[in-house]
Amino acid sequence: MHITEFAYALADRLPGWQPSPTSVPLADDPASNRIWDSGPLPYAAFSTDDVHRCVLTHHWGLQLYVMPRPHRPNEYLVLPMLPGNTSHQHAQGLRAPRGITVPADPARAAAQVRRRLLLAYRFASAIAIRRSSPGKLQVHVAFDAQRRPRIRAGYIGVFNELLAHGGFLLDPATGECHLADTLTPEETRRQLVQGLQRLRYRDFHVTVHFPDGPRSHPPLPRADPRMGHRR
């Protein structure tokens, strides 16, 4: 079973998880630096070009690095990655959730991921994400060289809003939320504005970092639900 086929079948059995649309060669993969615990993965595996990986992403800002186990054709590795907006610094002192080996059968693999990995991963990730917070209810938006937005925030609620409802993706190489490169500049702007407005209605303070300086956008007042019933 090809890695992409396996990743899709595995994600189908793990509610809330979405697979990356394509596989990526393991050699020189920047996302490998964000693996939290490599489990039984030999470092030498990263020096080969014929091994590919996929990443499963959960809307809480969590990611699983999925790849064939080297020299074991009937096994895969499922390795927890650092959650969004965190670095190894934020995970210091935490007991890392262990990367595991699973069989090539997606149903059995999903059962083992649920039983052996997800609970510890979610617990440790919640602590690491809190440590990465740039400030109380703070969200920061910067722009890359192509003027595409990159969002950082140390709150699971922000990830849930952007990933589950805002059309954003989580970059496995950086831990930042971003929009698909296939969007036009106007589509990107519209989705960014809508996503940030929803966050501001949820009491988050948004700072957008433009080349000429940051601009602050405070929370927006929540609409009075009784307004819709007035005649």
C-alpha atoms as a PDB file:
ATOM      1  CA  MET A   1       0.000   0.000   0.000  1.00  0.00           C
ATOM      2  CA  HIS A   2       1.407   3.400  -1.028  1.00  0.00           C
ATOM      3  CA  ILE A   3       2.015   5.893   1.775  1.00  0.00           C
ATOM      4  CA  THR A   4      -0.683   8.299   0.493  1.00  0.00           C
ATOM      5  CA  GLU A   5      -3.261   5.533   0.270  1.00  0.00           C
ATOM      6  CA  PHE A   6      -2.376   4.348   3.770  1.00  0.00           C
ATOM      7  CA  ALA A   7      -2.513   7.886   5.209  1.00  0.00           C
ATOM      8  CA  TYR A   8      -5.963   8.525   3.731  1.00  0.00           C
ATOM      9  CA  ALA A   9      -7.277   5.194   4.997  1.00  0.00           C
ATOM     10  CA  LEU A  10      -5.809   5.868   8.446  1.00  0.00           C
ATOM     11  CA  ALA A  11      -7.316   9.381   8.615  1.00  0.00           C
ATOM     12  CA  ASP A  12     -10.735   8.001   7.643  1.00  0.00           C
ATOM     13  CA  ARG A  13     -10.651   5.989  10.864  1.00  0.00           C
ATOM     14  CA  LEU A  14      -9.466   8.843  13.104  1.00  0.00           C
ATOM     15  CA  PRO A  15     -12.226  11.477  13.453  1.00  0.00           C
ATOM     16  CA  GLY A  16     -10.972  15.046  13.187  1.00  0.00           C
ATOM     17  CA  TRP A  17      -7.763  14.132  11.349  1.00  0.00           C
ATOM     18  CA  GLN A  18      -7.040  15.141   7.737  1.00  0.00           C
ATOM     19  CA  PRO A  19      -4.188  13.824   5.560  1.00  0.00           C
ATOM     20  CA  SER A  20      -1.888  15.991   3.475  1.00  0.00           C
ATOM     21  CA  PRO A  21      -2.962  15.731  -0.177  1.00  0.00           C
ATOM     22  CA  THR A  22       0.415  14.501  -1.412  1.00  0.00           C
ATOM     23  CA  SER A  23       3.430  12.674  -0.060  1.00  0.00           C
ATOM     24  CA  VAL A  24       6.837  14.327   0.347  1.00  0.00           C
ATOM     25  CA  PRO A  25      10.302  12.729   0.020  1.00  0.00           C
ATOM     26  CA  LEU A  26      11.826  12.150   3.418  1.00  0.00           C
ATOM     27  CA  ALA A  27      15.292  13.372   2.429  1.00  0.00           C
ATOM     28  CA  ASP A  28      15.790  17.025   3.376  1.00  0.00           C
ATOM     29  CA  ASP A  29      12.203  17.307   4.599  1.00  0.00           C
ATOM     30  CA  PRO A  30      12.108  20.397   6.878  1.00  0.00           C
ATOM     31  CA  ALA A  31       9.061  19.013   8.680  1.00  0.00           C
ATOM     32  CA  SER A  32      11.202  16.202  10.109  1.00  0.00           C
ATOM     33  CA  ASN A  33      12.746  18.771  12.479  1.00  0.00           C
ATOM     34  CA  ARG A  34       9.344  19.082  14.136  1.00  0.00           C
ATOM     35  CA  ILE A  35       9.026  15.404  15.021  1.00  0.00           C
ATOM     36  CA  TRP A  36       8.535  15.349  18.783  1.00  0.00           C
ATOM     37  CA  ASP A  37       9.490  11.709  19.343  1.00  0.00           C
ATOM     38  CA  SER A  38      10.988   9.588  16.575  1.00  0.00           C
ATOM     39  CA  GLY A  39      10.226   6.259  18.260  1.00  0.00           C
ATOM     40  CA  PRO A  40      11.967   3.411  16.380  1.00  0.00           C
ATOM     41  CA  LEU A  41      12.889   5.611  13.388  1.00  0.00           C
ATOM     42  CA  PRO A  42      16.603   5.277  12.501  1.00  0.00           C
ATOM     43  CA  TYR A  43      18.191   8.615  11.653  1.00  0.00           C
ATOM     44  CA  ALA A  44      19.701   7.065   8.509  1.00  0.00           C
ATOM     45  CA  ALA A  45      16.212   6.902   6.992  1.00  0.00           C
ATOM     46  CA  PHE A  46      16.374  10.628   6.253  1.00  0.00           C
ATOM     47  CA  SER A  47      19.304  10.139   3.864  1.00  0.00           C
ATOM     48  CA  THR A  48      17.302   8.203   1.269  1.00  0.00           C
ATOM     49  CA  ASP A  49      15.257   9.611  -1.600  1.00  0.00           C
ATOM     50  CA  ASP A  50      12.916   6.679  -2.092  1.00  0.00           C
ATOM     51  CA  VAL A  51      11.015   7.037   1.183  1.00  0.00           C
ATOM     52  CA  HIS A  52       8.037   9.404   1.356  1.00  0.00           C
ATOM     53  CA  ARG A  53       5.927  10.665   4.231  1.00  0.00           C
ATOM     54  CA  CYS A  54       2.454  12.114   4.767  1.00  0.00           C
ATOM     55  CA  VAL A  55       1.239  14.279   7.629  1.00  0.00           C
ATOM     56  CA  LEU A  56      -2.129  13.973   9.344  1.00  0.00           C
ATOM     57  CA  THR A  57      -3.443  17.220  10.843  1.00  0.00           C
ATOM     58  CA  HIS A  58      -6.040  17.674  13.577  1.00  0.00           C
ATOM     59  CA  HIS A  59      -7.937  20.937  13.959  1.00  0.00           C
ATOM     60  CA  TRP A  60      -6.575  21.336  17.490  1.00  0.00           C
ATOM     61  CA  GLY A  61      -3.173  22.113  15.971  1.00  0.00           C
ATOM     62  CA  LEU A  62      -1.792  18.566  16.224  1.00  0.00           C
ATOM     63  CA  GLN A  63       0.063  16.624  13.518  1.00  0.00           C
ATOM     64  CA  LEU A  64       1.222  13.046  12.998  1.00  0.00           C
ATOM     65  CA  TYR A  65       4.186  12.199  10.764  1.00  0.00           C
ATOM     66  CA  VAL A  66       3.364   8.980   8.893  1.00  0.00           C
ATOM     67  CA  MET A  67       5.930   7.007   6.887  1.00  0.00           C
ATOM     68  CA  PRO A  68       6.866   3.429   5.985  1.00  0.00           C
ATOM     69  CA  ARG A  69       9.097   1.763   8.542  1.00  0.00           C
ATOM     70  CA  PRO A  70      12.515   1.240   6.929  1.00  0.00           C
ATOM     71  CA  HIS A  71      13.259  -2.399   6.078  1.00  0.00           C
ATOM     72  CA  ARG A  72       9.841  -3.486   7.376  1.00  0.00           C
ATOM     73  CA  PRO A  73       7.494  -3.575   4.351  1.00  0.00           C
ATOM     74  CA  ASN A  74       4.421  -4.482   6.402  1.00  0.00           C
ATOM     75  CA  GLU A  75       4.771  -1.724   8.987  1.00  0.00           C
ATOM     76  CA  TYR A  76       4.448   2.061   9.204  1.00  0.00           C
ATOM     77  CA  LEU A  77       5.648   4.618  11.703  1.00  0.00           C
ATOM     78  CA  VAL A  78       3.288   7.161  13.247  1.00  0.00           C
ATOM     79  CA  LEU A  79       5.294   9.883  14.968  1.00  0.00           C
ATOM     80  CA  PRO A  80       3.865  12.799  16.980  1.00  0.00           C
ATOM     81  CA  MET A  81       4.990  16.224  15.826  1.00  0.00           C
ATOM     82  CA  LEU A  82       5.325  19.356  17.907  1.00  0.00           C
ATOM     83  CA  PRO A  83       1.922  21.052  17.970  1.00  0.00           C
ATOM     84  CA  GLY A  84       1.299  24.285  16.108  1.00  0.00           C
ATOM     85  CA  ASN A  85       3.133  27.421  17.255  1.00  0.00           C
ATOM     86  CA  THR A  86       5.532  25.435  19.440  1.00  0.00           C
ATOM     87  CA  SER A  87       9.202  24.552  19.308  1.00  0.00           C
ATOM     88  CA  HIS A  88      11.285  22.014  21.198  1.00  0.00           C
ATOM     89  CA  GLN A  89      11.880  24.767  23.755  1.00  0.00           C
ATOM     90  CA  HIS A  90       8.179  24.736  24.714  1.00  0.00           C
ATOM     91  CA  ALA A  91       8.306  20.945  25.160  1.00  0.00           C
ATOM     92  CA  GLN A  92      11.243  20.895  27.554  1.00  0.00           C
ATOM     93  CA  GLY A  93      10.490  18.930  30.705  1.00  0.00           C
ATOM     94  CA  LEU A  94       7.366  17.350  29.225  1.00  0.00           C
ATOM     95  CA  ARG A  95       7.145  13.611  28.770  1.00  0.00           C
ATOM     96  CA  ALA A  96       7.079  13.257  24.995  1.00  0.00           C
ATOM     97  CA  PRO A  97       4.311  11.095  23.528  1.00  0.00           C
ATOM     98  CA  ARG A  98       6.079   8.131  21.992  1.00  0.00           C
ATOM     99  CA  GLY A  99       6.197   7.470  18.272  1.00  0.00           C
ATOM    100  CA  ILE A 100       4.864   4.014  17.479  1.00  0.00           C
ATOM    101  CA  THR A 101       5.028   1.258  14.883  1.00  0.00           C
ATOM    102  CA  VAL A 102       1.716   0.167  13.397  1.00  0.00           C
ATOM    103  CA  PRO A 103       0.731  -2.568  10.939  1.00  0.00           C
ATOM    104  CA  ALA A 104      -0.026  -1.790   7.297  1.00  0.00           C
ATOM    105  CA  ASP A 105      -3.681  -2.626   7.963  1.00  0.00           C
ATOM    106  CA  PRO A 106      -5.354   0.841   8.395  1.00  0.00           C
ATOM    107  CA  ALA A 107      -8.092  -0.434  10.727  1.00  0.00           C
ATOM    108  CA  ARG A 108      -5.646  -2.099  13.100  1.00  0.00           C
ATOM    109  CA  ALA A 109      -3.258   0.858  12.799  1.00  0.00           C
ATOM    110  CA  ALA A 110      -5.978   3.364  13.748  1.00  0.00           C
ATOM    111  CA  ALA A 111      -6.920   1.288  16.783  1.00  0.00           C
ATOM    112  CA  GLN A 112      -3.312   1.285  17.966  1.00  0.00           C
ATOM    113  CA  VAL A 113      -2.925   5.039  17.383  1.00  0.00           C
ATOM    114  CA  ARG A 114      -6.014   5.704  19.489  1.00  0.00           C
ATOM    115  CA  ARG A 115      -4.945   3.321  22.253  1.00  0.00           C
ATOM    116  CA  ARG A 116      -1.220   3.987  22.432  1.00  0.00           C
ATOM    117  CA  LEU A 117      -0.638   7.547  21.254  1.00  0.00           C
ATOM    118  CA  LEU A 118      -3.469  10.064  21.054  1.00  0.00           C
ATOM    119  CA  LEU A 119      -4.343  10.554  24.735  1.00  0.00           C
ATOM    120  CA  ALA A 120      -0.760  11.243  25.821  1.00  0.00           C
ATOM    121  CA  TYR A 121      -0.200  13.384  22.740  1.00  0.00           C
ATOM    122  CA  ARG A 122      -3.234  15.592  23.374  1.00  0.00           C
ATOM    123  CA  PHE A 123      -2.375  16.057  27.046  1.00  0.00           C
ATOM    124  CA  ALA A 124       1.258  17.024  26.459  1.00  0.00           C
ATOM    125  CA  SER A 125       0.348  19.217  23.468  1.00  0.00           C
ATOM    126  CA  ALA A 126      -2.116  21.291  25.468  1.00  0.00           C
ATOM    127  CA  ILE A 127       0.675  22.220  27.894  1.00  0.00           C
ATOM    128  CA  ALA A 128       3.191  22.997  25.140  1.00  0.00           C
ATOM    129  CA  ILE A 129       0.682  25.175  23.275  1.00  0.00           C
ATOM    130  CA  ARG A 130      -0.099  27.168  26.434  1.00  0.00           C
ATOM    131  CA  ARG A 131       3.613  27.742  26.961  1.00  0.00           C
ATOM    132  CA  SER A 132       3.930  29.124  23.420  1.00  0.00           C
ATOM    133  CA  SER A 133       1.275  31.793  23.876  1.00  0.00           C
ATOM    134  CA  PRO A 134       2.635  35.244  22.898  1.00  0.00           C
ATOM    135  CA  GLY A 135       0.320  36.859  25.466  1.00  0.00           C
ATOM    136  CA  LYS A 136      -3.184  36.613  26.844  1.00  0.00           C
ATOM    137  CA  LEU A 137      -5.604  36.027  23.941  1.00  0.00           C
ATOM    138  CA  GLN A 138      -3.025  37.283  21.447  1.00  0.00           C
ATOM    139  CA  VAL A 139      -2.924  36.351  17.750  1.00  0.00           C
ATOM    140  CA  HIS A 140      -0.080  37.516  15.504  1.00  0.00           C
ATOM    141  CA  VAL A 141      -0.179  37.700  11.708  1.00  0.00           C
ATOM    142  CA  ALA A 142       2.927  38.144   9.574  1.00  0.00           C
ATOM    143  CA  PHE A 143       3.499  37.852   5.822  1.00  0.00           C
ATOM    144  CA  ASP A 144       6.043  35.749   3.961  1.00  0.00           C
ATOM    145  CA  ALA A 145       8.090  36.801   0.939  1.00  0.00           C
ATOM    146  CA  GLN A 146       5.085  36.187  -1.330  1.00  0.00           C
ATOM    147  CA  ARG A 147       2.878  38.311   0.962  1.00  0.00           C
ATOM    148  CA  ARG A 148       0.913  35.296   2.127  1.00  0.00           C
ATOM    149  CA  PRO A 149      -0.338  35.411   5.746  1.00  0.00           C
ATOM    150  CA  ARG A 150       1.256  33.278   8.447  1.00  0.00           C
ATOM    151  CA  ILE A 151      -0.593  33.144  11.768  1.00  0.00           C
ATOM    152  CA  ARG A 152       0.779  32.246  15.188  1.00  0.00           C
ATOM    153  CA  ALA A 153      -1.211  31.850  18.393  1.00  0.00           C
ATOM    154  CA  GLY A 154      -0.830  29.721  21.498  1.00  0.00           C
ATOM    155  CA  TYR A 155      -4.481  28.699  21.846  1.00  0.00           C
ATOM    156  CA  ILE A 156      -6.244  25.512  20.755  1.00  0.00           C
ATOM    157  CA  GLY A 157      -9.364  27.615  20.138  1.00  0.00           C
ATOM    158  CA  VAL A 158      -7.533  29.606  17.461  1.00  0.00           C
ATOM    159  CA  PHE A 159      -6.411  26.440  15.683  1.00  0.00           C
ATOM    160  CA  ASN A 160      -9.919  25.042  15.835  1.00  0.00           C
ATOM    161  CA  GLU A 161     -11.395  28.221  14.351  1.00  0.00           C
ATOM    162  CA  LEU A 162      -8.843  28.572  11.565  1.00  0.00           C
ATOM    163  CA  LEU A 163      -8.357  24.907  10.639  1.00  0.00           C
ATOM    164  CA  ALA A 164     -11.879  23.556  11.104  1.00  0.00           C
ATOM    165  CA  HIS A 165     -13.892  26.573   9.941  1.00  0.00           C
ATOM    166  CA  GLY A 166     -11.600  29.113   8.259  1.00  0.00           C
ATOM    167  CA  GLY A 167     -10.071  27.093   5.439  1.00  0.00           C
ATOM    168  CA  PHE A 168      -6.546  27.431   6.843  1.00  0.00           C
ATOM    169  CA  LEU A 169      -3.812  24.800   6.812  1.00  0.00           C
ATOM    170  CA  LEU A 170      -1.104  23.986   9.362  1.00  0.00           C
ATOM    171  CA  ASP A 171       2.418  24.070   7.936  1.00  0.00           C
ATOM    172  CA  PRO A 172       4.244  20.999   9.286  1.00  0.00           C
ATOM    173  CA  ALA A 173       7.624  22.682   8.707  1.00  0.00           C
ATOM    174  CA  THR A 174       6.892  25.824  10.757  1.00  0.00           C
ATOM    175  CA  GLY A 175       3.818  25.161  12.909  1.00  0.00           C
ATOM    176  CA  GLU A 176       2.137  28.247  11.433  1.00  0.00           C
ATOM    177  CA  CYS A 177      -1.394  28.530  10.062  1.00  0.00           C
ATOM    178  CA  HIS A 178      -1.531  29.586   6.416  1.00  0.00           C
ATOM    179  CA  LEU A 179      -3.815  29.560   3.390  1.00  0.00           C
ATOM    180  CA  ALA A 180      -3.465  27.411   0.291  1.00  0.00           C
ATOM    181  CA  ASP A 181      -1.067  28.723  -2.345  1.00  0.00           C
ATOM    182  CA  THR A 182      -3.735  28.033  -4.985  1.00  0.00           C
ATOM    183  CA  LEU A 183      -5.913  30.910  -3.737  1.00  0.00           C
ATOM    184  CA  THR A 184      -5.858  34.204  -5.613  1.00  0.00           C
ATOM    185  CA  PRO A 185      -4.698  37.332  -3.731  1.00  0.00           C
ATOM    186  CA  GLU A 186      -8.319  38.468  -3.430  1.00  0.00           C
ATOM    187  CA  GLU A 187      -9.470  35.065  -2.131  1.00  0.00           C
ATOM    188  CA  THR A 188      -6.587  35.040   0.339  1.00  0.00           C
ATOM    189  CA  ARG A 189      -7.454  38.512   1.606  1.00  0.00           C
ATOM    190  CA  ARG A 190     -11.142  37.626   1.978  1.00  0.00           C
ATOM    191  CA  GLN A 191     -10.485  34.418   3.919  1.00  0.00           C
ATOM    192  CA  LEU A 192      -7.922  36.145   6.129  1.00  0.00           C
ATOM    193  CA  VAL A 193     -10.288  39.003   7.010  1.00  0.00           C
ATOM    194  CA  GLN A 194     -13.153  36.616   7.730  1.00  0.00           C
ATOM    195  CA  GLY A 195     -10.993  34.370   9.882  1.00  0.00           C
ATOM    196  CA  LEU A 196      -9.549  37.235  11.905  1.00  0.00           C
ATOM    197  CA  GLN A 197     -12.980  38.751  12.451  1.00  0.00           C
ATOM    198  CA  ARG A 198     -14.251  35.478  13.867  1.00  0.00           C
ATOM    199  CA  LEU A 199     -11.296  35.392  16.242  1.00  0.00           C
ATOM    200  CA  ARG A 200     -11.956  38.976  17.344  1.00  0.00           C
ATOM    201  CA  TYR A 201     -15.580  38.083  18.088  1.00  0.00           C
ATOM    202  CA  ARG A 202     -14.155  35.348  20.330  1.00  0.00           C
ATOM    203  CA  ASP A 203     -12.237  37.940  22.393  1.00  0.00           C
ATOM    204  CA  PHE A 204      -8.862  37.529  20.710  1.00  0.00           C
ATOM    205  CA  HIS A 205      -6.643  40.550  20.134  1.00  0.00           C
ATOM    206  CA  VAL A 206      -5.105  40.440  16.647  1.00  0.00           C
ATOM    207  CA  THR A 207      -1.834  42.140  15.710  1.00  0.00           C
ATOM    208  CA  VAL A 208      -1.018  42.285  11.989  1.00  0.00           C
ATOM    209  CA  HIS A 209       2.655  42.928  11.226  1.00  0.00           C
ATOM    210  CA  PHE A 210       2.981  45.000   8.056  1.00  0.00           C
ATOM    211  CA  PRO A 211       6.332  46.172   6.619  1.00  0.00           C
ATOM    212  CA  ASP A 212       5.620  49.698   7.892  1.00  0.00           C
ATOM    213  CA  GLY A 213       4.790  48.507  11.387  1.00  0.00           C
ATOM    214  CA  PRO A 214       2.241  46.480  13.374  1.00  0.00           C
ATOM    215  CA  ARG A 215      -1.452  47.311  13.481  1.00  0.00           C
ATOM    216  CA  SER A 216      -3.540  46.296  16.441  1.00  0.00           C
ATOM    217  CA  HIS A 217      -7.118  45.058  16.170  1.00  0.00           C
ATOM    218  CA  PRO A 218      -8.894  44.632  19.528  1.00  0.00           C
ATOM    219  CA  PRO A 219     -11.723  42.173  20.188  1.00  0.00           C
ATOM    220  CA  LEU A 220     -15.121  42.953  18.696  1.00  0.00           C
ATOM    221  CA  PRO A 221     -18.240  43.128  20.861  1.00  0.00           C
ATOM    222  CA  ARG A 222     -20.381  40.057  20.588  1.00  0.00           C
ATOM    223  CA  ALA A 223     -23.788  40.540  19.005  1.00  0.00           C
ATOM    224  CA  ASP A 224     -26.746  40.515  21.394  1.00  0.00           C
ATOM    225  CA  PRO A 225     -28.693  37.333  20.574  1.00  0.00           C
ATOM    226  CA  ARG A 226     -31.915  39.149  21.514  1.00  0.00           C
ATOM    227  CA  MET A 227     -31.457  41.596  18.664  1.00  0.00           C
ATOM    228  CA  GLY A 228     -32.684  39.013  16.168  1.00  0.00           C
ATOM    229  CA  HIS A 229     -36.015  38.721  17.993  1.00  0.00           C
ATOM    230  CA  ARG A 230     -36.849  42.423  18.031  1.00  0.00           C
ATOM    231  CA  ARG A 231     -39.646  43.620  15.769  1.00  0.00           C
END
